[in-house]
Protein backbone atom coordinates (compact mmCIF):
# COMPACT_ATOMS: atom_id res chain seq x y z
CA MET A 1 30.27 -18.80 12.79
CA ALA A 2 28.49 -18.19 9.47
CA ASN A 3 30.57 -19.33 6.68
CA LEU A 4 30.92 -16.82 3.77
CA THR A 5 28.21 -18.89 0.80
CA HIS A 6 25.55 -18.07 3.22
CA ILE A 7 26.57 -14.27 4.14
CA ALA A 8 26.44 -14.13 0.38
CA ARG A 9 23.36 -16.02 -0.53
CA PHE A 10 21.49 -14.37 2.58
CA GLY A 11 23.24 -12.09 4.86
CA SER A 12 25.04 -11.52 7.70
CA LEU A 13 23.19 -13.95 10.67
CA GLU A 14 24.89 -10.78 12.98
CA ARG A 15 22.66 -8.09 10.80
CA GLY A 16 20.02 -10.35 10.33
CA GLY A 17 19.90 -10.63 6.77
CA PHE A 18 18.34 -14.10 6.23
CA LEU A 19 15.14 -13.44 8.63
CA LYS A 20 14.66 -10.12 7.99
CA GLU A 21 14.37 -11.39 4.04
CA ALA A 22 13.02 -14.24 5.57
CA ARG A 23 9.94 -12.09 7.20
CA ALA A 24 9.74 -9.98 3.85
CA VAL A 25 8.99 -12.68 2.17
CA ILE A 26 6.34 -13.77 3.97
CA GLU A 27 4.80 -10.57 4.43
CA ALA A 28 4.85 -10.24 1.08
CA ARG A 29 2.81 -13.57 0.30
CA ARG A 30 0.26 -12.94 3.51
CA THR A 31 -0.79 -9.80 1.85
CA SER A 32 -0.81 -11.24 -0.77
CA LEU A 33 -3.18 -13.82 -0.12
CA MET A 34 -5.63 -11.02 2.28
CA VAL A 35 -5.57 -9.17 -1.42
CA THR A 36 -7.19 -11.84 -3.55
CA ASP A 37 -9.07 -13.03 -1.18
CA LEU A 38 -10.33 -9.39 -0.75
CA ILE A 39 -11.68 -9.17 -4.28
CA PRO A 40 -14.25 -11.54 -4.10
CA ARG A 41 -15.69 -10.12 -1.49
CA VAL A 42 -15.93 -7.15 -2.72
CA ARG A 43 -17.56 -8.16 -6.05
CA ASP A 44 -19.91 -10.72 -3.69
CA THR A 45 -20.95 -7.29 -1.76
CA GLN A 46 -21.20 -5.51 -4.59
CA VAL A 47 -24.54 -7.66 -5.65
CA PHE A 48 -25.77 -8.28 -2.81
CA LEU A 49 -26.19 -4.28 -2.21
CA ARG A 50 -27.38 -3.92 -5.85
CA MET A 51 -29.25 -7.26 -4.76
CA ALA A 52 -31.32 -5.28 -1.93
CA ALA A 53 -31.33 -2.17 -4.33
CA VAL A 54 -33.95 -4.07 -6.38
CA GLU A 55 -35.79 -5.79 -3.21
CA LEU A 56 -36.28 -2.17 -2.32
CA ARG A 57 -37.97 -0.86 -4.84
CA ARG A 58 -40.29 -3.63 -5.07
CA ILE A 59 -41.52 -3.03 -1.81
CA ALA A 60 -41.63 0.50 -2.58
CA GLU A 61 -44.12 -0.50 -4.69
CA GLN A 62 -46.28 -2.35 -2.68
CA ALA A 63 -46.05 0.03 0.31
CA ARG A 64 -47.34 3.30 -0.97
CA ASP A 65 -46.65 4.66 2.81
CA ILE A 66 -42.92 3.93 3.53
CA ALA A 67 -41.96 4.03 -0.77
CA VAL A 68 -39.83 7.41 -0.17
CA GLU A 69 -37.44 6.24 2.40
CA LEU A 70 -37.24 2.73 0.78
CA ARG A 71 -36.42 4.20 -2.60
CA HIS A 72 -34.06 6.81 -0.77
CA VAL A 73 -32.36 3.60 0.97
CA ALA A 74 -31.62 1.78 -2.49
CA GLN A 75 -30.27 4.54 -4.24
CA GLN A 76 -27.40 4.66 -0.85
CA LEU A 77 -26.81 1.01 -1.82
CA GLU A 78 -26.55 1.25 -5.22
CA ALA A 79 -24.45 4.34 -4.71
CA GLU A 80 -22.27 2.25 -1.64
CA ALA A 81 -21.99 -0.29 -5.12
CA GLU A 82 -20.76 1.69 -7.08
CA ASP A 83 -18.43 3.26 -4.93
CA LEU A 84 -17.21 -0.28 -4.22
CA ALA A 85 -16.92 -0.55 -8.11
CA ARG A 86 -14.62 2.64 -8.74
CA HIS A 87 -12.33 1.35 -6.13
CA ASP A 88 -12.15 -1.98 -7.44
CA THR A 89 -10.83 -0.90 -10.97
CA GLU A 90 -7.63 1.78 -9.03
């Protein structure tokens, strides 16, 4: 049987108060760590997309026969990077 101090601090064991609270704390910490880990990955992705776009434009200067397609893909990559940047600031 739980003592009164335990019930006052953590809730009744019969109702799962302590376990419910512990699960909530663990989930909040896990979510926080995932978000913290995600931010640098999003920024790295933005940098990669922009670098790829620059490289495609450089190749387009040398390969005139596929230049239009390369520039189009470069434009799409930059648009994706911008979209990630907008979501990153929200």
